[in-house]
Protein backbone atom coordinates (compact mmCIF):
# COMPACT_ATOMS: atom_id res chain seq x y z
CA MET A 1 -24.24 8.13 53.55
CA ARG A 2 -26.80 8.00 50.69
CA ALA A 3 -24.22 9.54 48.30
CA GLN A 4 -21.60 6.99 49.25
CA ASP A 5 -24.09 4.15 48.84
CA GLY A 6 -24.41 5.07 45.15
CA ASN A 7 -20.65 5.06 44.53
CA ALA A 8 -18.78 2.33 42.64
CA THR A 9 -15.82 0.08 43.43
CA LEU A 10 -12.92 -0.73 41.11
CA SER A 11 -10.55 -3.62 41.74
CA GLY A 12 -8.34 -6.06 39.89
CA THR A 13 -4.85 -7.51 39.53
CA VAL A 14 -1.63 -6.52 37.80
CA LYS A 15 0.69 -9.15 36.30
CA ASP A 16 3.70 -9.17 34.02
CA SER A 17 3.91 -10.92 30.65
CA SER A 18 4.87 -14.22 32.29
CA GLY A 19 1.78 -14.19 34.50
CA LYS A 20 3.56 -13.28 37.75
CA ALA A 21 1.98 -10.79 40.14
CA VAL A 22 3.47 -7.29 40.15
CA PRO A 23 3.58 -5.82 43.68
CA ASN A 24 3.79 -2.05 44.32
CA ALA A 25 2.58 -1.19 40.81
CA ARG A 26 1.26 2.37 40.63
CA ILE A 27 -2.47 2.73 39.87
CA SER A 28 -3.87 6.12 38.83
CA VAL A 29 -7.63 6.38 38.26
CA LYS A 30 -8.66 9.65 36.55
CA ASN A 31 -12.28 10.82 36.31
CA LEU A 32 -12.63 12.05 32.70
CA ALA A 33 -15.45 14.42 33.61
CA THR A 34 -13.79 16.17 36.58
CA ALA A 35 -10.08 15.40 35.79
CA GLN A 36 -9.71 14.34 39.44
CA SER A 37 -7.30 11.44 40.01
CA THR A 38 -7.16 8.80 42.73
CA ASN A 39 -3.95 6.85 43.26
CA THR A 40 -3.11 3.54 44.90
CA GLN A 41 -0.66 0.63 44.67
CA THR A 42 -0.91 -3.13 44.31
CA ASP A 43 -0.22 -5.32 47.32
CA ALA A 44 2.19 -8.25 47.50
CA THR A 45 -0.21 -10.43 45.47
CA GLY A 46 -0.55 -7.85 42.71
CA ALA A 47 -4.10 -6.92 43.72
CA TYR A 48 -5.54 -3.43 44.13
CA GLY A 49 -8.88 -1.90 45.06
CA LEU A 50 -10.51 1.54 45.10
CA ALA A 51 -13.87 2.24 46.72
CA ASN A 52 -16.29 5.19 46.78
CA LEU A 53 -15.66 6.19 43.17
CA THR A 54 -18.25 8.47 41.58
CA PRO A 55 -20.06 6.71 38.71
CA GLY A 56 -18.80 7.80 35.28
CA ASP A 57 -16.01 7.33 32.73
CA TYR A 58 -12.47 6.80 34.00
CA GLU A 59 -8.97 6.38 32.60
CA VAL A 60 -6.93 3.83 34.50
CA ALA A 61 -3.13 4.07 34.13
CA VAL A 62 -0.93 1.29 35.52
CA SER A 63 2.87 1.32 35.60
CA ALA A 64 5.74 -0.50 37.25
CA GLU A 65 9.37 0.53 36.98
CA GLY A 66 11.42 -1.85 34.86
CA ILE A 67 8.35 -3.80 33.71
CA GLY A 68 6.08 -1.53 31.66
CA ALA A 69 2.85 0.42 31.63
CA SER A 70 -0.72 0.10 30.41
CA VAL A 71 -3.80 2.32 30.06
CA ALA A 72 -7.49 1.44 29.86
CA LYS A 73 -10.79 3.29 29.91
CA VAL A 74 -13.62 1.98 32.07
CA THR A 75 -17.14 3.07 32.81
CA LEU A 76 -18.36 2.69 36.38
CA ALA A 77 -22.08 2.39 36.99
CA VAL A 78 -23.95 3.24 40.17
CA THR A 79 -23.26 0.77 43.01
CA SER A 80 -21.25 -1.44 40.63
CA ARG A 81 -18.24 -3.55 41.51
CA HIS A 82 -15.98 -3.32 38.47
CA THR A 83 -12.95 -5.54 37.76
CA ALA A 84 -10.04 -4.40 35.58
CA ASN A 85 -7.06 -6.74 35.29
CA PHE A 86 -3.81 -5.60 33.66
CA VAL A 87 -0.80 -7.24 32.08
CA LEU A 88 2.32 -5.06 31.83
CA THR A 89 4.73 -5.34 28.93
CA SER A 90 7.77 -3.32 27.89
CA THR A 91 5.65 -1.54 25.25
CA PRO A 92 2.63 0.42 26.58
CA THR A 93 -0.56 -0.91 25.03
CA GLN A 94 -4.22 0.06 25.11
CA GLN A 95 -6.05 -2.61 27.08
CA ALA A 96 -9.42 -4.01 26.07
CA PRO A 97 -12.41 -2.71 28.08
CA ALA A 98 -12.24 -4.17 31.56
CA SER A 99 -15.82 -5.42 31.33
CA GLN A 100 -14.57 -8.00 28.80
CA PRO A 101 -11.11 -9.01 30.09
CA THR A 102 -9.00 -11.42 28.03
CA PRO A 103 -7.79 -14.44 30.00
CA ILE A 104 -4.00 -14.65 30.21
CA PRO A 105 -2.59 -18.18 30.40
CA SER A 106 0.46 -18.39 32.63
CA GLY A 107 3.73 -18.34 30.68
CA SER A 108 2.16 -17.12 27.39
CA LEU A 109 2.32 -13.85 25.48
CA PRO A 110 -0.03 -11.06 26.64
CA ASN A 111 -3.44 -11.34 24.99
CA ALA A 112 -2.29 -14.42 23.04
CA PRO A 113 -5.07 -16.81 21.98
CA SER A 114 -5.53 -19.75 24.31
CA ASN A 115 -5.48 -22.22 21.40
CA ASN A 116 -1.86 -23.32 20.95
CA LYS A 117 -2.51 -24.05 17.26
CA THR A 118 -3.23 -20.39 16.53
CA ALA A 119 -0.20 -18.21 15.76
CA PRO A 120 0.10 -14.96 17.74
CA SER A 121 -0.84 -11.74 15.96
CA LEU A 122 1.11 -8.46 15.88
CA GLU A 123 -1.25 -7.10 18.54
CA ASP A 124 -0.22 -10.01 20.78
CA LEU A 125 3.35 -8.72 20.52
CA GLY A 126 2.47 -5.23 21.71
CA PHE A 127 1.65 -3.41 18.43
CA SER A 128 -1.51 -1.31 18.33
CA SER A 129 -4.24 -2.13 15.79
CA ALA A 130 -3.39 1.08 13.89
CA GLU A 131 0.26 -0.01 13.57
CA SER A 132 -0.56 -3.57 12.52
CA GLN A 133 -3.08 -2.67 9.78
CA ALA A 134 -2.25 -1.04 6.44
CA ASN A 135 -3.98 2.12 5.25
CA ALA A 136 -6.91 0.73 3.23
CA LYS A 137 -7.09 3.72 0.88
CA GLU A 138 -3.36 3.69 0.08
CA GLN A 139 -3.38 -0.08 -0.35
CA ALA A 140 -6.28 0.12 -2.84
CA LEU A 141 -4.41 2.83 -4.77
CA LEU A 142 -1.28 0.71 -4.91
CA ASP A 143 -3.23 -2.39 -6.00
CA LYS A 144 -4.87 -0.47 -8.84
CA ARG A 145 -1.56 0.98 -10.02
CA THR A 146 0.10 -2.45 -9.94
CA HIS A 147 -2.76 -3.98 -11.94
CA MET A 148 -2.71 -1.28 -14.64
CA LEU A 149 1.08 -1.38 -14.99
CA LYS A 150 0.98 -5.16 -15.43
CA ILE A 151 -1.43 -4.68 -18.35
CA HIS A 152 0.86 -1.91 -19.69
CA GLN A 153 3.82 -4.30 -19.61
CA ARG A 154 1.99 -7.15 -21.34
CA LEU A 155 0.59 -4.92 -24.08
CA GLY A 156 4.07 -3.48 -24.61
CA LEU A 157 5.45 -6.96 -25.22
CA ILE A 158 2.59 -7.76 -27.61
CA THR A 159 3.19 -4.50 -29.50
CA THR A 160 6.74 -5.55 -30.35
CA ILE A 161 5.42 -8.31 -32.65
CA PRO A 162 3.66 -6.10 -35.26
CA LEU A 163 6.35 -3.44 -34.73
CA ILE A 164 9.11 -5.82 -35.86
CA ALA A 165 6.94 -7.01 -38.75
CA THR A 166 6.29 -3.40 -39.81
CA VAL A 167 10.00 -2.61 -39.85
CA ALA A 168 10.70 -5.82 -41.81
CA THR A 169 8.09 -5.06 -44.50
CA SER A 170 9.32 -1.48 -44.89
CA LEU A 171 12.12 -2.74 -47.12
CA ASN A 172 9.66 -3.96 -49.75
CA ALA A 173 7.26 -1.06 -49.24
CA GLY A 174 9.84 1.66 -49.91
CA GLY A 175 11.93 0.14 -52.69
CA LYS A 176 11.91 1.08 -56.37
CA ASN A 177 10.05 -2.03 -57.50
CA THR A 178 7.41 -2.12 -54.77
CA SER A 179 3.90 -3.37 -55.35
CA THR A 180 0.63 -2.01 -54.03
CA ALA A 181 0.19 -5.19 -51.96
CA SER A 182 3.53 -4.66 -50.20
CA ARG A 183 2.63 -1.09 -49.32
CA ASP A 184 -0.84 -2.14 -48.13
CA LEU A 185 0.64 -4.84 -45.88
CA HIS A 186 3.18 -2.40 -44.46
CA THR A 187 0.45 0.17 -43.83
CA ALA A 188 -1.84 -2.39 -42.15
CA LEU A 189 0.94 -3.59 -39.84
CA GLY A 190 1.85 0.00 -39.02
CA GLY A 191 -1.77 0.77 -38.14
CA LEU A 192 -1.99 -2.29 -35.88
CA THR A 193 1.26 -1.30 -34.18
CA GLY A 194 -0.04 2.21 -33.57
CA ASP A 195 -3.32 0.98 -32.08
CA LEU A 196 -1.57 -1.41 -29.70
CA TYR A 197 0.98 1.24 -28.77
CA PHE A 198 -1.62 3.80 -27.73
CA MET A 199 -3.52 1.16 -25.76
CA THR A 200 -0.24 0.37 -23.98
CA ALA A 201 0.41 4.05 -23.28
CA TYR A 202 -3.13 4.52 -21.90
CA TYR A 203 -2.55 2.08 -19.03
CA ALA A 204 0.75 3.75 -18.12
CA ILE A 205 -0.70 7.27 -18.20
CA ARG A 206 -3.92 6.40 -16.34
CA ALA A 207 -2.25 4.31 -13.62
CA PRO A 208 -2.74 6.26 -10.35
CA ARG A 209 0.33 7.84 -8.79
CA VAL A 210 1.33 6.88 -5.22
CA PRO A 211 2.35 10.03 -3.30
CA GLY A 212 5.86 10.04 -1.92
CA THR A 213 7.35 7.51 -4.35
CA GLU A 214 10.55 8.35 -6.22
CA THR A 215 11.31 7.36 -9.82
CA ARG A 216 14.86 6.10 -10.24
CA GLY A 217 17.13 3.67 -12.08
CA PRO A 218 15.68 1.75 -15.03
CA ILE A 219 12.21 3.27 -14.52
CA ARG A 220 13.61 6.78 -14.99
CA PHE A 221 15.31 5.68 -18.24
CA HIS A 222 12.09 3.92 -19.31
CA LYS A 223 10.13 7.16 -18.89
CA ALA A 224 12.83 9.19 -20.67
CA MET A 225 12.56 6.94 -23.72
CA ALA A 226 8.81 7.60 -23.79
CA TRP A 227 9.56 11.23 -24.71
CA ILE A 228 11.20 9.87 -27.88
CA HIS A 229 9.00 6.99 -28.98
CA GLY A 230 5.79 8.77 -27.94
CA PRO A 231 6.08 11.70 -30.40
CA GLY A 232 7.64 9.28 -32.91
CA MET A 233 4.55 7.07 -32.84
CA ILE A 234 2.45 10.11 -33.72
CA LEU A 235 4.76 11.50 -36.40
CA THR A 236 5.63 8.19 -38.11
CA PRO A 237 2.11 7.36 -39.39
CA ILE A 238 1.56 10.94 -40.55
CA LEU A 239 4.75 10.84 -42.63
CA GLY A 240 3.88 7.30 -43.71
CA ILE A 241 0.50 8.36 -45.10
CA MET A 242 2.20 11.17 -47.07
CA ALA A 243 4.77 8.72 -48.48
CA PHE A 244 2.02 6.16 -49.21
CA ASN A 245 -0.02 8.66 -51.24
CA GLN A 246 3.03 9.84 -53.19
CA LYS A 247 3.94 6.24 -54.06
CA ASN A 248 0.39 5.41 -55.14
CA ASN A 249 0.40 8.46 -57.42
CA GLY A 250 3.52 7.14 -59.11
CA GLU A 251 5.68 9.83 -57.56
CA LYS A 252 9.01 9.49 -55.88
CA VAL A 253 8.82 10.07 -52.14
CA HIS A 254 9.84 13.68 -51.58
CA GLY A 255 9.65 16.52 -49.07
CA ILE A 256 9.20 15.80 -45.37
CA ALA A 257 7.73 12.41 -46.29
CA GLN A 258 11.33 11.27 -46.82
CA ALA A 259 11.78 11.45 -43.03
CA HIS A 260 9.28 8.62 -42.55
CA GLY A 261 11.93 5.91 -42.56
CA PRO A 262 14.48 7.56 -40.23
CA VAL A 263 11.78 8.67 -37.78
CA ALA A 264 10.32 5.16 -37.74
CA ILE A 265 13.74 3.62 -37.02
CA VAL A 266 14.45 6.06 -34.16
CA THR A 267 10.98 5.43 -32.74
CA ALA A 268 11.37 1.65 -32.89
CA GLY A 269 14.84 1.90 -31.32
CA ALA A 270 13.58 4.06 -28.43
CA PHE A 271 10.65 1.69 -27.86
CA GLY A 272 12.97 -1.32 -27.80
CA ALA A 273 15.36 0.43 -25.38
CA ALA A 274 12.46 1.31 -23.08
CA LEU A 275 11.29 -2.30 -23.14
CA LEU A 276 14.76 -3.66 -22.37
CA SER A 277 15.27 -1.19 -19.49
CA VAL A 278 12.53 -2.84 -17.45
CA SER A 279 13.21 -6.38 -18.67
CA VAL A 280 16.98 -6.67 -18.10
CA LYS A 281 18.74 -5.73 -14.85
CA PHE A 282 21.62 -3.31 -15.22
């Protein structure tokens, strides 16, 4: 008799999503320490009750055919009378601890806020918190990549301005009757283009990769063009410096320095094609 006096009682009600009582719902109360289960059913009013339960942690599973199921974990203290109310939906959900039950207005969604001005959340519709929340780490990675690629795109557009000017001044810089000022202007514009280009490339290279993503369509072409204009942006200034020194020494451009112009044109063309691939839909 002393042992039974220290036992706990568990009771409550079972309703469906419209607030109607669910009779004959199956209740299974499992002691998590001993794995022993006690079963019962709700009466015609949807109520149930279990007495003489050993104090401890329990898992309460409720189900009704054609309506749904629900599971909750409760802790029963010595000589306590614990109440655990359930609302069954078509999607099994993890109920809040029974010690802090959420009131269910009749005719509303399960666990919906009582304030009619507040829109229901995904959890109100039966989704678990894990399903309704994004992975914070993956979201931060994606946000960082998006930010860096936006800078990459803007710098790429800015780089086209000195690039076009460099190509335009190459006509005066490489002709027979060129002046030192024309060559200096061409060289300065080429240097500015190179600096902006490598700043642009930095943000593309350093942007974090998102695992599981596939490169396709215009982005694949955009990256393929980088294998042309990337080496070209390194080789063009090297050949340009060689041609610049030969011109300043009064020599005719000769040797591999003669490739400066063609390499620069191919590089500019590949850069322009890469820019158009992500700017125009095709």
